[in-house]
N, C-alpha and C. Protein backbone atom coordinates (compact mmCIF):
# COMPACT_ATOMS: atom_id res chain seq x y z
N MET A 1 100.75 95.67 94.87
CA MET A 1 101.31 96.86 95.45
C MET A 1 102.59 96.51 96.19
N LYS A 2 103.68 97.20 95.91
CA LYS A 2 104.95 96.95 96.57
C LYS A 2 105.06 97.84 97.81
N LEU A 3 105.40 97.22 98.94
CA LEU A 3 105.50 97.96 100.18
C LEU A 3 106.96 98.14 100.58
N LYS A 4 107.24 99.18 101.35
CA LYS A 4 108.60 99.51 101.77
C LYS A 4 109.03 98.76 103.03
N VAL A 5 108.09 98.09 103.70
CA VAL A 5 108.42 97.37 104.93
C VAL A 5 108.28 95.87 104.71
N LYS A 6 109.02 95.11 105.50
CA LYS A 6 108.99 93.66 105.43
C LYS A 6 108.71 93.09 106.82
N LYS A 7 108.37 91.82 106.85
CA LYS A 7 108.12 91.13 108.11
C LYS A 7 109.40 91.17 108.95
N GLY A 8 109.26 91.52 110.22
CA GLY A 8 110.40 91.58 111.11
C GLY A 8 110.99 92.97 111.27
N ASP A 9 110.62 93.92 110.41
CA ASP A 9 111.11 95.30 110.52
C ASP A 9 110.51 95.98 111.75
N THR A 10 111.26 96.92 112.31
CA THR A 10 110.73 97.77 113.38
C THR A 10 110.22 99.05 112.74
N VAL A 11 108.98 99.42 113.07
CA VAL A 11 108.36 100.58 112.46
C VAL A 11 107.79 101.51 113.52
N LYS A 12 107.59 102.76 113.13
CA LYS A 12 106.95 103.75 113.99
C LYS A 12 105.63 104.12 113.35
N ILE A 13 104.58 104.24 114.16
CA ILE A 13 103.26 104.61 113.67
C ILE A 13 103.23 106.13 113.53
N ILE A 14 102.88 106.63 112.34
CA ILE A 14 102.91 108.07 112.11
C ILE A 14 101.52 108.68 111.99
N ALA A 15 100.47 107.85 112.04
CA ALA A 15 99.11 108.37 111.96
C ALA A 15 98.16 107.39 112.64
N GLY A 16 97.04 107.91 113.15
CA GLY A 16 96.02 107.07 113.75
C GLY A 16 96.05 107.11 115.27
N LYS A 17 95.26 106.25 115.89
CA LYS A 17 95.11 106.28 117.35
C LYS A 17 96.37 105.86 118.09
N ASP A 18 97.27 105.12 117.44
CA ASP A 18 98.51 104.67 118.08
C ASP A 18 99.72 105.47 117.62
N LYS A 19 99.50 106.69 117.16
CA LYS A 19 100.57 107.54 116.64
C LYS A 19 101.68 107.71 117.66
N GLY A 20 102.93 107.53 117.20
CA GLY A 20 104.10 107.68 118.06
C GLY A 20 104.62 106.38 118.63
N LYS A 21 103.84 105.31 118.60
CA LYS A 21 104.27 104.02 119.14
C LYS A 21 105.16 103.30 118.13
N GLN A 22 105.96 102.36 118.65
CA GLN A 22 106.82 101.55 117.80
C GLN A 22 106.48 100.09 117.99
N GLY A 23 106.73 99.29 116.96
CA GLY A 23 106.48 97.87 117.06
C GLY A 23 107.13 97.11 115.92
N LYS A 24 107.08 95.80 116.02
CA LYS A 24 107.67 94.91 115.04
C LYS A 24 106.58 94.43 114.09
N VAL A 25 106.88 94.41 112.79
CA VAL A 25 105.92 93.96 111.79
C VAL A 25 105.78 92.44 111.87
N LEU A 26 104.54 91.98 112.11
CA LEU A 26 104.27 90.55 112.19
C LEU A 26 103.85 89.96 110.86
N GLN A 27 103.15 90.76 110.04
CA GLN A 27 102.61 90.27 108.78
C GLN A 27 102.47 91.44 107.81
N VAL A 28 102.74 91.17 106.53
CA VAL A 28 102.57 92.16 105.48
C VAL A 28 101.53 91.63 104.50
N ILE A 29 100.55 92.47 104.15
CA ILE A 29 99.49 92.09 103.22
C ILE A 29 99.56 93.03 102.01
N PRO A 30 100.42 92.71 101.02
CA PRO A 30 100.63 93.64 99.90
C PRO A 30 99.40 93.85 99.04
N SER A 31 98.55 92.85 98.90
CA SER A 31 97.36 92.99 98.05
C SER A 31 96.41 94.05 98.59
N ALA A 32 96.37 94.21 99.91
CA ALA A 32 95.49 95.20 100.54
C ALA A 32 96.25 96.45 100.95
N GLY A 33 97.59 96.44 100.85
CA GLY A 33 98.39 97.59 101.27
C GLY A 33 98.38 97.79 102.77
N LYS A 34 98.37 96.68 103.52
CA LYS A 34 98.27 96.75 104.97
C LYS A 34 99.39 95.96 105.64
N VAL A 35 99.64 96.30 106.91
CA VAL A 35 100.61 95.58 107.72
C VAL A 35 100.00 95.33 109.09
N VAL A 36 100.46 94.25 109.75
CA VAL A 36 100.05 93.95 111.12
C VAL A 36 101.28 94.17 111.98
N VAL A 37 101.14 95.04 113.00
CA VAL A 37 102.26 95.40 113.87
C VAL A 37 101.97 94.90 115.28
N GLU A 38 102.98 94.33 115.91
CA GLU A 38 102.85 93.75 117.24
C GLU A 38 102.41 94.80 118.27
N ASP A 39 101.36 94.50 119.02
CA ASP A 39 100.82 95.35 120.09
C ASP A 39 100.33 96.72 119.61
N ILE A 40 99.97 96.85 118.35
CA ILE A 40 99.44 98.09 117.79
C ILE A 40 98.08 97.78 117.16
N ASN A 41 97.13 98.72 117.28
CA ASN A 41 95.79 98.58 116.71
C ASN A 41 95.10 97.32 117.24
N ILE A 42 95.10 97.17 118.56
CA ILE A 42 94.52 95.99 119.21
C ILE A 42 92.99 96.06 119.15
N ILE A 43 92.38 94.94 118.71
CA ILE A 43 90.93 94.84 118.67
C ILE A 43 90.49 93.65 119.52
N GLN A 44 89.21 93.63 119.87
CA GLN A 44 88.67 92.53 120.64
C GLN A 44 87.72 91.72 119.76
N ARG A 45 87.90 90.42 119.75
CA ARG A 45 87.05 89.52 118.99
C ARG A 45 86.34 88.58 119.96
N HIS A 46 85.04 88.44 119.81
CA HIS A 46 84.26 87.51 120.63
C HIS A 46 84.23 86.18 119.89
N THR A 47 84.80 85.14 120.51
CA THR A 47 84.94 83.85 119.84
C THR A 47 84.11 82.78 120.54
N LYS A 48 83.60 81.88 119.73
CA LYS A 48 82.89 80.72 120.26
C LYS A 48 83.91 79.71 120.77
N PRO A 49 83.51 78.86 121.69
CA PRO A 49 84.43 77.80 122.12
C PRO A 49 84.77 76.86 120.95
N ASN A 50 86.04 76.48 120.86
CA ASN A 50 86.48 75.50 119.86
C ASN A 50 87.60 74.67 120.48
N GLN A 51 88.18 73.76 119.71
CA GLN A 51 89.21 72.88 120.27
C GLN A 51 90.44 73.66 120.70
N ALA A 52 90.80 74.66 119.94
CA ALA A 52 91.98 75.46 120.29
C ALA A 52 91.74 76.31 121.53
N ASN A 53 90.51 76.81 121.67
CA ASN A 53 90.16 77.66 122.81
C ASN A 53 88.84 77.15 123.39
N PRO A 54 88.87 76.12 124.26
CA PRO A 54 87.64 75.51 124.76
C PRO A 54 86.77 76.46 125.59
N GLN A 55 87.37 77.46 126.18
CA GLN A 55 86.63 78.41 127.00
C GLN A 55 85.83 79.40 126.14
N GLY A 56 86.39 79.78 124.97
CA GLY A 56 85.77 80.83 124.17
C GLY A 56 86.00 82.17 124.82
N GLY A 57 85.18 83.15 124.52
CA GLY A 57 85.29 84.44 125.19
C GLY A 57 85.87 85.53 124.31
N ILE A 58 86.39 86.57 124.97
CA ILE A 58 86.91 87.74 124.27
C ILE A 58 88.42 87.59 124.09
N VAL A 59 88.86 87.68 122.83
CA VAL A 59 90.27 87.55 122.48
C VAL A 59 90.76 88.88 121.92
N GLU A 60 91.90 89.36 122.42
CA GLU A 60 92.48 90.59 121.89
C GLU A 60 93.59 90.22 120.92
N LYS A 61 93.61 90.90 119.76
CA LYS A 61 94.64 90.63 118.77
C LYS A 61 94.88 91.89 117.94
N PRO A 62 96.07 91.99 117.33
CA PRO A 62 96.36 93.17 116.50
C PRO A 62 95.65 93.06 115.15
N ALA A 63 95.08 94.18 114.71
CA ALA A 63 94.40 94.23 113.41
C ALA A 63 95.32 94.90 112.39
N PRO A 64 95.10 94.64 111.10
CA PRO A 64 95.92 95.30 110.08
C PRO A 64 95.68 96.81 110.06
N LEU A 65 96.72 97.55 109.71
CA LEU A 65 96.57 98.99 109.49
C LEU A 65 97.28 99.35 108.19
N ALA A 66 96.93 100.48 107.63
CA ALA A 66 97.46 100.88 106.33
C ALA A 66 98.97 101.04 106.39
N ALA A 67 99.64 100.54 105.37
CA ALA A 67 101.10 100.61 105.31
C ALA A 67 101.58 102.06 105.20
N SER A 68 100.72 102.95 104.73
CA SER A 68 101.10 104.36 104.63
C SER A 68 101.17 105.03 105.99
N ASN A 69 100.63 104.39 107.03
CA ASN A 69 100.64 104.95 108.38
C ASN A 69 101.83 104.50 109.21
N VAL A 70 102.75 103.74 108.61
CA VAL A 70 103.94 103.30 109.33
C VAL A 70 105.19 103.79 108.59
N MET A 71 106.27 103.98 109.36
CA MET A 71 107.53 104.41 108.78
C MET A 71 108.64 103.53 109.35
N LEU A 72 109.49 103.03 108.49
CA LEU A 72 110.57 102.13 108.87
C LEU A 72 111.58 102.85 109.75
N ILE A 73 112.02 102.19 110.83
CA ILE A 73 113.06 102.75 111.68
C ILE A 73 114.40 102.16 111.24
N CYS A 74 115.32 103.05 110.89
CA CYS A 74 116.64 102.64 110.42
C CYS A 74 117.44 102.07 111.59
N PRO A 75 118.03 100.87 111.43
CA PRO A 75 118.83 100.31 112.52
C PRO A 75 120.13 101.08 112.77
N GLY A 76 120.58 101.85 111.79
CA GLY A 76 121.82 102.62 111.94
C GLY A 76 121.63 103.88 112.75
N CYS A 77 120.69 104.74 112.32
CA CYS A 77 120.50 106.02 113.01
C CYS A 77 119.39 105.95 114.05
N ASN A 78 118.67 104.83 114.11
CA ASN A 78 117.62 104.59 115.11
C ASN A 78 116.51 105.63 115.05
N LEU A 79 116.24 106.17 113.87
CA LEU A 79 115.18 107.15 113.66
C LEU A 79 114.31 106.71 112.50
N PRO A 80 113.04 107.15 112.46
CA PRO A 80 112.22 106.85 111.29
C PRO A 80 112.82 107.54 110.07
N ALA A 81 112.96 106.80 108.98
CA ALA A 81 113.62 107.36 107.80
C ALA A 81 112.97 106.86 106.53
N LYS A 82 113.03 107.69 105.51
CA LYS A 82 112.61 107.26 104.18
C LYS A 82 113.67 106.30 103.65
N THR A 83 113.25 105.43 102.74
CA THR A 83 114.20 104.47 102.19
C THR A 83 114.30 104.61 100.69
N GLY A 84 115.47 104.29 100.19
CA GLY A 84 115.70 104.24 98.76
C GLY A 84 116.09 102.82 98.41
N SER A 85 116.44 102.60 97.16
CA SER A 85 116.81 101.27 96.70
C SER A 85 118.09 101.35 95.88
N THR A 86 118.98 100.40 96.11
CA THR A 86 120.20 100.31 95.31
C THR A 86 120.42 98.86 94.91
N ARG A 87 121.27 98.68 93.92
CA ARG A 87 121.63 97.33 93.47
C ARG A 87 123.13 97.14 93.63
N ASP A 88 123.53 95.92 94.04
CA ASP A 88 124.95 95.64 94.17
C ASP A 88 125.50 95.06 92.87
N GLU A 89 126.74 94.58 92.90
CA GLU A 89 127.39 94.08 91.68
C GLU A 89 126.67 92.88 91.07
N GLN A 90 126.07 92.04 91.92
CA GLN A 90 125.35 90.86 91.44
C GLN A 90 123.95 91.20 90.93
N GLY A 91 123.48 92.42 91.18
CA GLY A 91 122.15 92.83 90.72
C GLY A 91 121.06 92.68 91.77
N ALA A 92 121.45 92.31 93.00
CA ALA A 92 120.45 92.15 94.05
C ALA A 92 120.09 93.52 94.63
N ALA A 93 118.80 93.77 94.79
CA ALA A 93 118.33 95.05 95.32
C ALA A 93 118.38 95.04 96.84
N SER A 94 118.66 96.19 97.42
CA SER A 94 118.64 96.33 98.87
C SER A 94 118.13 97.71 99.23
N ARG A 95 117.53 97.83 100.42
CA ARG A 95 117.00 99.11 100.89
C ARG A 95 118.12 99.92 101.55
N VAL A 96 118.06 101.23 101.36
CA VAL A 96 119.07 102.13 101.91
C VAL A 96 118.36 103.27 102.64
N CYS A 97 118.85 103.61 103.83
CA CYS A 97 118.31 104.74 104.59
C CYS A 97 118.76 106.02 103.91
N LYS A 98 117.82 106.92 103.63
CA LYS A 98 118.16 108.17 102.97
C LYS A 98 118.77 109.17 103.94
N ARG A 99 118.66 108.91 105.25
CA ARG A 99 119.21 109.82 106.25
C ARG A 99 120.70 109.55 106.47
N CYS A 100 121.06 108.27 106.71
CA CYS A 100 122.46 107.95 107.03
C CYS A 100 123.16 107.13 105.93
N GLN A 101 122.46 106.82 104.86
CA GLN A 101 123.00 106.07 103.72
C GLN A 101 123.45 104.66 104.07
N ARG A 102 122.94 104.08 105.17
CA ARG A 102 123.29 102.72 105.56
C ARG A 102 122.35 101.72 104.90
N THR A 103 122.88 100.58 104.50
CA THR A 103 122.07 99.52 103.92
C THR A 103 121.25 98.87 105.03
N ILE A 104 119.94 98.72 104.79
CA ILE A 104 119.05 98.16 105.81
C ILE A 104 119.01 96.64 105.74
N ASP A 105 119.02 96.09 104.52
CA ASP A 105 119.03 94.62 104.40
C ASP A 105 119.85 94.19 103.22
């Protein structure tokens, strides 16, 4: 499954318990159609003590959420926008904001 967002993009959550919040994409999971966004969809995991965390206890971390619930924020117009795709003279594809027609990457 091809996703419209990449690691490092700033996105806005458009559905779910964190609707309206913004964050940076930490990880993209195309096989599952999910993304992990910084400080969004925080869950608590109870972990046993190990070498990395000798104390153990409750750890909070962001969980994946459906890629359909996020929308890319255009760096040009600073608003959530749909994206299109164009190719340059060399044939390399790039994303384009459909609102302001600016190249995103």
